[in-house]
């Protein structure tokens, strides 16, 4: 997790408020472009859109699949932040620096261990103002005819907090009832590969984050969020700083995600809905990927 923490330290040193009086978030945008662009096999582009007269940029890194490049997995999280005094400070460590740096670490791992399916790593802008970045991207996927290529949209928002009053380490997986089949690989991975046997909790009431625009367009999507997010006392505050992050739960959530994404990214048989067929969720390729990710995460 050394790289994860290092990324988070830098991002929380920046003001990532999208509508700041000066374009402060541009520093974060460039950092994400540079970081993704430094990884082998990943091509980086940006997608511009407007929010309240400001130009905003999604950062998109594409890693072509080795066998099925026209089947896509999107791994995303928003990198903008907000607070009660956003023009002064908006460090956004939990919301959503934690998700942003998890996307970066996933990109590092999969660029070094190429999946069969194409993986697209997206850092969304404008989430705090109303999901503008994910709406822009989901809309483009539909209008361009690319939506049918997407097997999974995996978003991470607030993945680094555990309440001191919590009896168990748990993660919430959220999607619509139509896409609940997406959950099983995560539950399997959490039971096998997390260090503290992370428990998975489910919700079929999607709201408030970047998975929603995809679900609304009938694209399979889920949100991964720590189960104690609603108890986070520093939510949208200038005090949402890196010292509030719980590294053990962030580690286990990332391990679960890498394992589940490995199973999706290397599935040899997919049914027409995009659901992984029985027997392919926990596979030899998954075990290899998780072993490799263990080395990367704990080197």
C-alpha atoms as a PDB file:
ATOM      1  CA  UNK A   1       0.000   0.000   0.000  1.00  0.00           C
ATOM      2  CA  UNK A   2       3.021   2.299  -0.074  1.00  0.00           C
ATOM      3  CA  UNK A   3       2.124   3.642  -3.519  1.00  0.00           C
ATOM      4  CA  UNK A   4      -1.551   3.924  -2.569  1.00  0.00           C
ATOM      5  CA  UNK A   5      -0.694   6.089   0.433  1.00  0.00           C
ATOM      6  CA  UNK A   6       1.809   8.145  -1.541  1.00  0.00           C
ATOM      7  CA  UNK A   7      -0.790   8.923  -4.219  1.00  0.00           C
ATOM      8  CA  UNK A   8      -3.320   9.851  -1.553  1.00  0.00           C
ATOM      9  CA  UNK A   9      -0.887  12.110   0.264  1.00  0.00           C
ATOM     10  CA  UNK A  10      -0.292  14.067  -2.913  1.00  0.00           C
ATOM     11  CA  UNK A  11      -3.920  14.303  -3.984  1.00  0.00           C
ATOM     12  CA  UNK A  12      -5.082  15.447  -0.547  1.00  0.00           C
ATOM     13  CA  UNK A  13      -2.480  18.202  -0.626  1.00  0.00           C
ATOM     14  CA  UNK A  14      -4.426  19.680  -3.555  1.00  0.00           C
ATOM     15  CA  UNK A  15      -7.733  21.509  -3.596  1.00  0.00           C
ATOM     16  CA  UNK A  16      -9.869  19.413  -5.959  1.00  0.00           C
ATOM     17  CA  UNK A  17     -13.012  21.516  -5.769  1.00  0.00           C
ATOM     18  CA  UNK A  18     -14.400  21.565  -9.288  1.00  0.00           C
ATOM     19  CA  UNK A  19     -15.831  25.078  -9.164  1.00  0.00           C
ATOM     20  CA  UNK A  20     -12.998  26.819  -7.320  1.00  0.00           C
ATOM     21  CA  UNK A  21     -12.518  30.475  -8.208  1.00  0.00           C
ATOM     22  CA  UNK A  22      -9.228  29.479  -9.829  1.00  0.00           C
ATOM     23  CA  UNK A  23      -8.703  26.230 -11.717  1.00  0.00           C
ATOM     24  CA  UNK A  24      -7.006  24.421  -8.817  1.00  0.00           C
ATOM     25  CA  UNK A  25      -8.233  20.982  -9.857  1.00  0.00           C
ATOM     26  CA  UNK A  26      -6.074  21.170 -13.001  1.00  0.00           C
ATOM     27  CA  UNK A  27      -3.082  20.037 -10.928  1.00  0.00           C
ATOM     28  CA  UNK A  28      -4.907  16.849  -9.965  1.00  0.00           C
ATOM     29  CA  UNK A  29      -6.049  16.291 -13.544  1.00  0.00           C
ATOM     30  CA  UNK A  30      -2.480  16.513 -14.816  1.00  0.00           C
ATOM     31  CA  UNK A  31      -1.222  14.177 -12.102  1.00  0.00           C
ATOM     32  CA  UNK A  32      -3.765  11.553 -13.120  1.00  0.00           C
ATOM     33  CA  UNK A  33      -2.937  11.954 -16.810  1.00  0.00           C
ATOM     34  CA  UNK A  34       0.774  11.593 -16.082  1.00  0.00           C
ATOM     35  CA  UNK A  35       0.348   8.620 -13.749  1.00  0.00           C
ATOM     36  CA  UNK A  36      -1.879   6.610 -16.079  1.00  0.00           C
ATOM     37  CA  UNK A  37       0.205   7.614 -19.079  1.00  0.00           C
ATOM     38  CA  UNK A  38       3.354   6.234 -17.486  1.00  0.00           C
ATOM     39  CA  UNK A  39       1.928   2.702 -17.338  1.00  0.00           C
ATOM     40  CA  UNK A  40       2.765   0.222 -20.109  1.00  0.00           C
ATOM     41  CA  UNK A  41      -0.016  -0.455 -22.591  1.00  0.00           C
ATOM     42  CA  UNK A  42      -2.337   2.299 -21.368  1.00  0.00           C
ATOM     43  CA  UNK A  43      -3.409   5.104 -23.696  1.00  0.00           C
ATOM     44  CA  UNK A  44      -4.729   8.222 -21.964  1.00  0.00           C
ATOM     45  CA  UNK A  45      -7.369  10.628 -23.231  1.00  0.00           C
ATOM     46  CA  UNK A  46      -9.527  13.260 -21.577  1.00  0.00           C
ATOM     47  CA  UNK A  47     -13.211  14.020 -22.018  1.00  0.00           C
ATOM     48  CA  UNK A  48     -14.314  17.632 -21.567  1.00  0.00           C
ATOM     49  CA  UNK A  49     -17.718  18.879 -20.459  1.00  0.00           C
ATOM     50  CA  UNK A  50     -19.100  21.989 -18.787  1.00  0.00           C
ATOM     51  CA  UNK A  51     -20.331  22.512 -15.231  1.00  0.00           C
ATOM     52  CA  UNK A  52     -21.568  25.983 -14.280  1.00  0.00           C
ATOM     53  CA  UNK A  53     -19.399  27.607 -16.935  1.00  0.00           C
ATOM     54  CA  UNK A  54     -16.275  25.650 -15.961  1.00  0.00           C
ATOM     55  CA  UNK A  55     -14.496  23.210 -18.268  1.00  0.00           C
ATOM     56  CA  UNK A  56     -14.176  19.839 -16.526  1.00  0.00           C
ATOM     57  CA  UNK A  57     -12.130  16.808 -17.567  1.00  0.00           C
ATOM     58  CA  UNK A  58     -12.633  13.104 -17.120  1.00  0.00           C
ATOM     59  CA  UNK A  59      -9.305  11.267 -17.335  1.00  0.00           C
ATOM     60  CA  UNK A  60      -9.557   7.980 -19.247  1.00  0.00           C
ATOM     61  CA  UNK A  61      -6.870   5.298 -19.525  1.00  0.00           C
ATOM     62  CA  UNK A  62      -7.514   2.403 -21.924  1.00  0.00           C
ATOM     63  CA  UNK A  63      -5.733  -0.956 -21.657  1.00  0.00           C
ATOM     64  CA  UNK A  64      -6.680  -3.179 -24.640  1.00  0.00           C
ATOM     65  CA  UNK A  65      -7.573  -6.784 -23.863  1.00  0.00           C
ATOM     66  CA  UNK A  66      -5.250  -9.489 -25.082  1.00  0.00           C
ATOM     67  CA  UNK A  67      -8.014 -11.751 -26.437  1.00  0.00           C
ATOM     68  CA  UNK A  68     -11.352  -9.920 -26.357  1.00  0.00           C
ATOM     69  CA  UNK A  69     -10.627  -6.218 -26.916  1.00  0.00           C
ATOM     70  CA  UNK A  70     -14.249  -5.478 -27.833  1.00  0.00           C
ATOM     71  CA  UNK A  71     -15.485  -6.586 -24.412  1.00  0.00           C
ATOM     72  CA  UNK A  72     -14.912  -3.820 -21.887  1.00  0.00           C
ATOM     73  CA  UNK A  73     -14.623  -3.459 -18.131  1.00  0.00           C
ATOM     74  CA  UNK A  74     -14.693   0.087 -16.774  1.00  0.00           C
ATOM     75  CA  UNK A  75     -13.033   0.802 -13.417  1.00  0.00           C
ATOM     76  CA  UNK A  76     -13.814   4.281 -12.159  1.00  0.00           C
ATOM     77  CA  UNK A  77     -14.078   6.776  -9.345  1.00  0.00           C
ATOM     78  CA  UNK A  78     -14.472  10.534  -9.056  1.00  0.00           C
ATOM     79  CA  UNK A  79     -11.443  12.641  -8.220  1.00  0.00           C
ATOM     80  CA  UNK A  80     -13.112  15.975  -7.468  1.00  0.00           C
ATOM     81  CA  UNK A  81     -13.908  16.942  -3.890  1.00  0.00           C
ATOM     82  CA  UNK A  82     -15.885  19.479  -1.872  1.00  0.00           C
ATOM     83  CA  UNK A  83     -16.143  20.827   1.674  1.00  0.00           C
ATOM     84  CA  UNK A  84     -17.987  23.401   3.764  1.00  0.00           C
ATOM     85  CA  UNK A  85     -15.335  25.922   2.642  1.00  0.00           C
ATOM     86  CA  UNK A  86     -14.231  24.545  -0.725  1.00  0.00           C
ATOM     87  CA  UNK A  87     -12.385  27.581  -2.016  1.00  0.00           C
ATOM     88  CA  UNK A  88     -10.182  27.365   1.075  1.00  0.00           C
ATOM     89  CA  UNK A  89      -9.622  23.608   1.265  1.00  0.00           C
ATOM     90  CA  UNK A  90     -11.204  20.425  -0.079  1.00  0.00           C
ATOM     91  CA  UNK A  91      -8.733  17.607   0.676  1.00  0.00           C
ATOM     92  CA  UNK A  92     -11.255  14.814   0.096  1.00  0.00           C
ATOM     93  CA  UNK A  93      -9.206  11.921   1.481  1.00  0.00           C
ATOM     94  CA  UNK A  94     -12.102   9.502   1.997  1.00  0.00           C
ATOM     95  CA  UNK A  95     -14.414  11.204  -0.525  1.00  0.00           C
ATOM     96  CA  UNK A  96     -13.010  10.356  -2.902  1.00  0.00           C
ATOM     97  CA  UNK A  97      -9.252  10.332  -2.821  1.00  0.00           C
ATOM     98  CA  UNK A  98      -9.513   6.755  -1.545  1.00  0.00           C
ATOM     99  CA  UNK A  99     -11.423   5.635  -4.629  1.00  0.00           C
ATOM    100  CA  UNK A 100      -9.221   7.626  -6.988  1.00  0.00           C
ATOM    101  CA  UNK A 101      -5.964   6.089  -5.812  1.00  0.00           C
ATOM    102  CA  UNK A 102      -7.577   2.643  -5.847  1.00  0.00           C
ATOM    103  CA  UNK A 103      -8.302   3.125  -9.547  1.00  0.00           C
ATOM    104  CA  UNK A 104      -4.660   4.095 -10.088  1.00  0.00           C
ATOM    105  CA  UNK A 105      -3.409   1.018  -8.246  1.00  0.00           C
ATOM    106  CA  UNK A 106      -5.748  -1.241 -10.216  1.00  0.00           C
ATOM    107  CA  UNK A 107      -4.351   0.290 -13.408  1.00  0.00           C
ATOM    108  CA  UNK A 108      -0.793  -0.429 -12.271  1.00  0.00           C
ATOM    109  CA  UNK A 109      -1.574  -4.054 -11.450  1.00  0.00           C
ATOM    110  CA  UNK A 110      -3.471  -4.842 -14.633  1.00  0.00           C
ATOM    111  CA  UNK A 111      -1.060  -3.021 -16.915  1.00  0.00           C
ATOM    112  CA  UNK A 112       1.634  -5.343 -15.562  1.00  0.00           C
ATOM    113  CA  UNK A 113      -0.635  -8.411 -15.811  1.00  0.00           C
ATOM    114  CA  UNK A 114      -2.729  -7.933 -18.934  1.00  0.00           C
ATOM    115  CA  UNK A 115      -6.359  -9.138 -18.849  1.00  0.00           C
ATOM    116  CA  UNK A 116      -8.172 -10.834 -21.717  1.00  0.00           C
ATOM    117  CA  UNK A 117     -10.836  -8.115 -21.816  1.00  0.00           C
ATOM    118  CA  UNK A 118     -10.167  -4.423 -22.336  1.00  0.00           C
ATOM    119  CA  UNK A 119     -10.032  -2.411 -19.127  1.00  0.00           C
ATOM    120  CA  UNK A 120     -10.827   1.286 -19.121  1.00  0.00           C
ATOM    121  CA  UNK A 121      -9.769   3.267 -16.059  1.00  0.00           C
ATOM    122  CA  UNK A 122     -11.770   6.474 -15.599  1.00  0.00           C
ATOM    123  CA  UNK A 123     -11.320   9.273 -13.076  1.00  0.00           C
ATOM    124  CA  UNK A 124     -14.531  11.293 -13.182  1.00  0.00           C
ATOM    125  CA  UNK A 125     -14.779  15.031 -12.616  1.00  0.00           C
ATOM    126  CA  UNK A 126     -17.849  16.976 -11.511  1.00  0.00           C
ATOM    127  CA  UNK A 127     -19.360  14.249  -9.328  1.00  0.00           C
ATOM    128  CA  UNK A 128     -19.956  16.496  -6.339  1.00  0.00           C
ATOM    129  CA  UNK A 129     -21.993  18.913  -8.452  1.00  0.00           C
ATOM    130  CA  UNK A 130     -24.325  16.176  -9.705  1.00  0.00           C
ATOM    131  CA  UNK A 131     -22.541  13.198 -11.348  1.00  0.00           C
ATOM    132  CA  UNK A 132     -21.634  15.301 -14.383  1.00  0.00           C
ATOM    133  CA  UNK A 133     -18.564  13.299 -15.362  1.00  0.00           C
ATOM    134  CA  UNK A 134     -20.189   9.879 -15.297  1.00  0.00           C
ATOM    135  CA  UNK A 135     -23.301  11.244 -17.020  1.00  0.00           C
ATOM    136  CA  UNK A 136     -21.101  12.635 -19.799  1.00  0.00           C
ATOM    137  CA  UNK A 137     -19.292   9.347 -20.262  1.00  0.00           C
ATOM    138  CA  UNK A 138     -22.343   7.076 -20.015  1.00  0.00           C
ATOM    139  CA  UNK A 139     -24.182   9.299 -22.490  1.00  0.00           C
ATOM    140  CA  UNK A 140     -21.277   9.092 -24.928  1.00  0.00           C
ATOM    141  CA  UNK A 141     -21.192   5.305 -24.618  1.00  0.00           C
ATOM    142  CA  UNK A 142     -24.825   5.110 -25.673  1.00  0.00           C
ATOM    143  CA  UNK A 143     -24.635   7.705 -28.459  1.00  0.00           C
ATOM    144  CA  UNK A 144     -21.504   6.125 -29.951  1.00  0.00           C
ATOM    145  CA  UNK A 145     -22.950   2.619 -29.880  1.00  0.00           C
ATOM    146  CA  UNK A 146     -20.233   1.407 -27.490  1.00  0.00           C
ATOM    147  CA  UNK A 147     -22.567   0.609 -24.579  1.00  0.00           C
ATOM    148  CA  UNK A 148     -23.078  -2.956 -25.817  1.00  0.00           C
ATOM    149  CA  UNK A 149     -19.344  -3.627 -25.373  1.00  0.00           C
ATOM    150  CA  UNK A 150     -19.443  -2.910 -21.641  1.00  0.00           C
ATOM    151  CA  UNK A 151     -19.630  -6.015 -19.465  1.00  0.00           C
ATOM    152  CA  UNK A 152     -19.117  -4.217 -16.179  1.00  0.00           C
ATOM    153  CA  UNK A 153     -18.736  -0.723 -14.752  1.00  0.00           C
ATOM    154  CA  UNK A 154     -17.047  -0.941 -11.359  1.00  0.00           C
ATOM    155  CA  UNK A 155     -17.010   2.338  -9.424  1.00  0.00           C
ATOM    156  CA  UNK A 156     -15.325   3.093  -6.104  1.00  0.00           C
ATOM    157  CA  UNK A 157     -16.466   5.949  -3.873  1.00  0.00           C
ATOM    158  CA  UNK A 158     -15.293   6.206  -0.253  1.00  0.00           C
ATOM    159  CA  UNK A 159     -13.379   2.987   0.348  1.00  0.00           C
ATOM    160  CA  UNK A 160     -11.103   3.905   3.259  1.00  0.00           C
ATOM    161  CA  UNK A 161     -13.149   4.307   6.462  1.00  0.00           C
ATOM    162  CA  UNK A 162     -14.195   1.988   9.248  1.00  0.00           C
ATOM    163  CA  UNK A 163     -16.133   3.309  12.204  1.00  0.00           C
ATOM    164  CA  UNK A 164     -14.498   2.654  15.593  1.00  0.00           C
ATOM    165  CA  UNK A 165     -17.931   1.400  16.685  1.00  0.00           C
ATOM    166  CA  UNK A 166     -18.139  -1.181  13.898  1.00  0.00           C
ATOM    167  CA  UNK A 167     -18.042  -4.816  14.982  1.00  0.00           C
ATOM    168  CA  UNK A 168     -17.034  -6.145  11.568  1.00  0.00           C
ATOM    169  CA  UNK A 169     -15.064  -4.980   8.558  1.00  0.00           C
ATOM    170  CA  UNK A 170     -17.619  -4.716   5.779  1.00  0.00           C
ATOM    171  CA  UNK A 171     -18.014  -3.335   2.280  1.00  0.00           C
ATOM    172  CA  UNK A 172     -21.254  -2.349   0.564  1.00  0.00           C
ATOM    173  CA  UNK A 173     -21.920  -3.417  -3.023  1.00  0.00           C
ATOM    174  CA  UNK A 174     -24.724  -1.465  -4.643  1.00  0.00           C
ATOM    175  CA  UNK A 175     -26.540  -1.878  -7.957  1.00  0.00           C
ATOM    176  CA  UNK A 176     -30.050  -2.281  -9.297  1.00  0.00           C
ATOM    177  CA  UNK A 177     -31.967  -5.527  -8.841  1.00  0.00           C
ATOM    178  CA  UNK A 178     -31.395  -6.271 -12.547  1.00  0.00           C
ATOM    179  CA  UNK A 179     -27.620  -6.378 -12.037  1.00  0.00           C
ATOM    180  CA  UNK A 180     -27.329  -8.155  -8.685  1.00  0.00           C
ATOM    181  CA  UNK A 181     -25.622 -11.051 -10.473  1.00  0.00           C
ATOM    182  CA  UNK A 182     -22.527  -8.817 -10.495  1.00  0.00           C
ATOM    183  CA  UNK A 183     -22.048  -9.240  -6.744  1.00  0.00           C
ATOM    184  CA  UNK A 184     -21.032 -12.903  -6.487  1.00  0.00           C
ATOM    185  CA  UNK A 185     -17.401 -12.643  -7.679  1.00  0.00           C
ATOM    186  CA  UNK A 186     -16.809  -9.924  -5.068  1.00  0.00           C
ATOM    187  CA  UNK A 187     -18.274 -12.007  -2.264  1.00  0.00           C
ATOM    188  CA  UNK A 188     -16.171 -14.990  -3.325  1.00  0.00           C
ATOM    189  CA  UNK A 189     -13.029 -12.878  -3.533  1.00  0.00           C
ATOM    190  CA  UNK A 190     -13.686 -11.245  -0.158  1.00  0.00           C
ATOM    191  CA  UNK A 191     -14.014 -14.639   1.482  1.00  0.00           C
ATOM    192  CA  UNK A 192     -10.814 -16.010  -0.031  1.00  0.00           C
ATOM    193  CA  UNK A 193      -8.345 -13.173  -0.503  1.00  0.00           C
ATOM    194  CA  UNK A 194      -8.919 -10.496   2.128  1.00  0.00           C
ATOM    195  CA  UNK A 195      -6.687 -10.457   5.176  1.00  0.00           C
ATOM    196  CA  UNK A 196      -9.491  -9.796   7.675  1.00  0.00           C
ATOM    197  CA  UNK A 197     -12.306 -11.752   5.952  1.00  0.00           C
ATOM    198  CA  UNK A 198     -14.098  -8.686   4.665  1.00  0.00           C
ATOM    199  CA  UNK A 199     -17.873  -9.063   4.785  1.00  0.00           C
ATOM    200  CA  UNK A 200     -19.999  -7.997   1.806  1.00  0.00           C
ATOM    201  CA  UNK A 201     -23.334  -6.217   2.204  1.00  0.00           C
ATOM    202  CA  UNK A 202     -25.724  -5.599  -0.704  1.00  0.00           C
ATOM    203  CA  UNK A 203     -28.074  -2.817  -1.749  1.00  0.00           C
ATOM    204  CA  UNK A 204     -30.466  -2.805  -4.699  1.00  0.00           C
ATOM    205  CA  UNK A 205     -31.207   0.910  -4.280  1.00  0.00           C
ATOM    206  CA  UNK A 206     -28.596   2.698  -6.422  1.00  0.00           C
ATOM    207  CA  UNK A 207     -28.231   6.405  -5.757  1.00  0.00           C
ATOM    208  CA  UNK A 208     -25.826   9.285  -5.367  1.00  0.00           C
ATOM    209  CA  UNK A 209     -22.683   8.104  -7.123  1.00  0.00           C
ATOM    210  CA  UNK A 210     -21.145   7.395 -10.516  1.00  0.00           C
ATOM    211  CA  UNK A 211     -22.692   3.957 -11.052  1.00  0.00           C
ATOM    212  CA  UNK A 212     -26.162   5.494 -11.400  1.00  0.00           C
ATOM    213  CA  UNK A 213     -25.864   7.087 -14.899  1.00  0.00           C
ATOM    214  CA  UNK A 214     -24.779   3.725 -16.324  1.00  0.00           C
ATOM    215  CA  UNK A 215     -27.547   1.773 -14.599  1.00  0.00           C
ATOM    216  CA  UNK A 216     -30.075   4.310 -15.871  1.00  0.00           C
ATOM    217  CA  UNK A 217     -28.862   3.495 -19.405  1.00  0.00           C
ATOM    218  CA  UNK A 218     -29.120  -0.264 -18.838  1.00  0.00           C
ATOM    219  CA  UNK A 219     -25.345  -0.730 -18.601  1.00  0.00           C
ATOM    220  CA  UNK A 220     -24.238  -3.251 -15.917  1.00  0.00           C
ATOM    221  CA  UNK A 221     -22.701  -1.229 -13.102  1.00  0.00           C
ATOM    222  CA  UNK A 222     -22.068  -1.383  -9.388  1.00  0.00           C
ATOM    223  CA  UNK A 223     -20.735   0.807  -6.610  1.00  0.00           C
ATOM    224  CA  UNK A 224     -18.174  -0.403  -4.102  1.00  0.00           C
ATOM    225  CA  UNK A 225     -18.189   1.697  -0.923  1.00  0.00           C
ATOM    226  CA  UNK A 226     -17.137   1.033   2.660  1.00  0.00           C
ATOM    227  CA  UNK A 227     -20.133   0.005   4.733  1.00  0.00           C
ATOM    228  CA  UNK A 228     -19.554   2.742   7.332  1.00  0.00           C
ATOM    229  CA  UNK A 229     -19.531   5.636   4.859  1.00  0.00           C
ATOM    230  CA  UNK A 230     -22.765   7.046   6.261  1.00  0.00           C
ATOM    231  CA  UNK A 231     -21.135   7.404   9.692  1.00  0.00           C
ATOM    232  CA  UNK A 232     -18.058   9.217   8.456  1.00  0.00           C
ATOM    233  CA  UNK A 233     -17.881  12.361  10.642  1.00  0.00           C
ATOM    234  CA  UNK A 234     -15.702  14.327   8.207  1.00  0.00           C
ATOM    235  CA  UNK A 235     -17.900  13.916   5.126  1.00  0.00           C
ATOM    236  CA  UNK A 236     -17.605  16.982   2.860  1.00  0.00           C
ATOM    237  CA  UNK A 237     -15.463  18.759   5.431  1.00  0.00           C
ATOM    238  CA  UNK A 238     -12.066  20.423   5.342  1.00  0.00           C
ATOM    239  CA  UNK A 239     -11.124  17.803   7.946  1.00  0.00           C
ATOM    240  CA  UNK A 240     -11.497  14.907   5.482  1.00  0.00           C
ATOM    241  CA  UNK A 241      -7.750  14.341   5.603  1.00  0.00           C
ATOM    242  CA  UNK A 242      -5.470  11.347   5.169  1.00  0.00           C
ATOM    243  CA  UNK A 243      -5.077  10.725   8.901  1.00  0.00           C
ATOM    244  CA  UNK A 244      -8.757   9.664   8.984  1.00  0.00           C
ATOM    245  CA  UNK A 245      -8.170   6.789   6.554  1.00  0.00           C
ATOM    246  CA  UNK A 246      -8.225   3.212   7.843  1.00  0.00           C
ATOM    247  CA  UNK A 247      -5.471   1.467   5.886  1.00  0.00           C
ATOM    248  CA  UNK A 248      -6.471  -2.145   6.760  1.00  0.00           C
ATOM    249  CA  UNK A 249     -10.001  -1.814   5.367  1.00  0.00           C
ATOM    250  CA  UNK A 250      -8.769   0.117   2.327  1.00  0.00           C
ATOM    251  CA  UNK A 251      -6.289  -2.711   1.715  1.00  0.00           C
ATOM    252  CA  UNK A 252      -8.899  -5.439   1.962  1.00  0.00           C
ATOM    253  CA  UNK A 253     -11.403  -3.613  -0.238  1.00  0.00           C
ATOM    254  CA  UNK A 254      -8.717  -3.178  -2.879  1.00  0.00           C
ATOM    255  CA  UNK A 255      -7.672  -6.835  -2.639  1.00  0.00           C
ATOM    256  CA  UNK A 256     -11.298  -7.930  -3.077  1.00  0.00           C
ATOM    257  CA  UNK A 257     -11.741  -5.619  -6.042  1.00  0.00           C
ATOM    258  CA  UNK A 258      -8.558  -6.732  -7.792  1.00  0.00           C
ATOM    259  CA  UNK A 259      -9.518 -10.391  -7.367  1.00  0.00           C
ATOM    260  CA  UNK A 260     -13.078  -9.891  -8.627  1.00  0.00           C
ATOM    261  CA  UNK A 261     -11.945  -7.743 -11.552  1.00  0.00           C
ATOM    262  CA  UNK A 262      -9.354 -10.379 -12.439  1.00  0.00           C
ATOM    263  CA  UNK A 263     -12.105 -12.989 -12.653  1.00  0.00           C
ATOM    264  CA  UNK A 264     -14.205 -10.749 -14.883  1.00  0.00           C
ATOM    265  CA  UNK A 265     -11.254  -9.656 -16.971  1.00  0.00           C
ATOM    266  CA  UNK A 266     -10.100 -13.202 -17.666  1.00  0.00           C
ATOM    267  CA  UNK A 267     -13.407 -15.050 -17.947  1.00  0.00           C
ATOM    268  CA  UNK A 268     -13.366 -17.501 -20.822  1.00  0.00           C
ATOM    269  CA  UNK A 269     -17.150 -17.756 -21.110  1.00  0.00           C
ATOM    270  CA  UNK A 270     -19.645 -14.925 -20.850  1.00  0.00           C
ATOM    271  CA  UNK A 271     -23.377 -15.222 -21.271  1.00  0.00           C
ATOM    272  CA  UNK A 272     -25.088 -12.624 -23.451  1.00  0.00           C
ATOM    273  CA  UNK A 273     -26.025 -10.427 -20.487  1.00  0.00           C
ATOM    274  CA  UNK A 274     -22.389 -10.096 -19.512  1.00  0.00           C
ATOM    275  CA  UNK A 275     -22.800 -12.340 -16.463  1.00  0.00           C
ATOM    276  CA  UNK A 276     -19.881 -14.665 -15.866  1.00  0.00           C
ATOM    277  CA  UNK A 277     -20.906 -18.284 -16.292  1.00  0.00           C
ATOM    278  CA  UNK A 278     -20.657 -20.830 -13.510  1.00  0.00           C
ATOM    279  CA  UNK A 279     -17.139 -21.992 -12.866  1.00  0.00           C
ATOM    280  CA  UNK A 280     -15.307 -19.028 -14.322  1.00  0.00           C
ATOM    281  CA  UNK A 281     -15.513 -16.643 -11.388  1.00  0.00           C
ATOM    282  CA  UNK A 282     -12.711 -18.163  -9.344  1.00  0.00           C
ATOM    283  CA  UNK A 283     -10.210 -19.586 -11.773  1.00  0.00           C
ATOM    284  CA  UNK A 284      -6.550 -20.356 -12.235  1.00  0.00           C
ATOM    285  CA  UNK A 285      -6.088 -16.976 -13.882  1.00  0.00           C
ATOM    286  CA  UNK A 286      -7.768 -15.301 -10.911  1.00  0.00           C
ATOM    287  CA  UNK A 287      -5.474 -17.075  -8.484  1.00  0.00           C
ATOM    288  CA  UNK A 288      -2.470 -15.971 -10.531  1.00  0.00           C
ATOM    289  CA  UNK A 289      -3.678 -12.379 -10.636  1.00  0.00           C
ATOM    290  CA  UNK A 290      -4.326 -12.234  -6.921  1.00  0.00           C
ATOM    291  CA  UNK A 291      -0.917 -13.699  -6.122  1.00  0.00           C
ATOM    292  CA  UNK A 292       0.654 -11.082  -8.355  1.00  0.00           C
ATOM    293  CA  UNK A 293      -1.422  -8.317  -6.798  1.00  0.00           C
ATOM    294  CA  UNK A 294      -0.363  -9.524  -3.345  1.00  0.00           C
ATOM    295  CA  UNK A 295       3.252  -9.071  -4.368  1.00  0.00           C
ATOM    296  CA  UNK A 296       2.501  -5.611  -5.752  1.00  0.00           C
ATOM    297  CA  UNK A 297       0.474  -4.486  -2.742  1.00  0.00           C
ATOM    298  CA  UNK A 298       2.891  -5.750  -0.119  1.00  0.00           C
ATOM    299  CA  UNK A 299       6.292  -5.476  -1.776  1.00  0.00           C
END
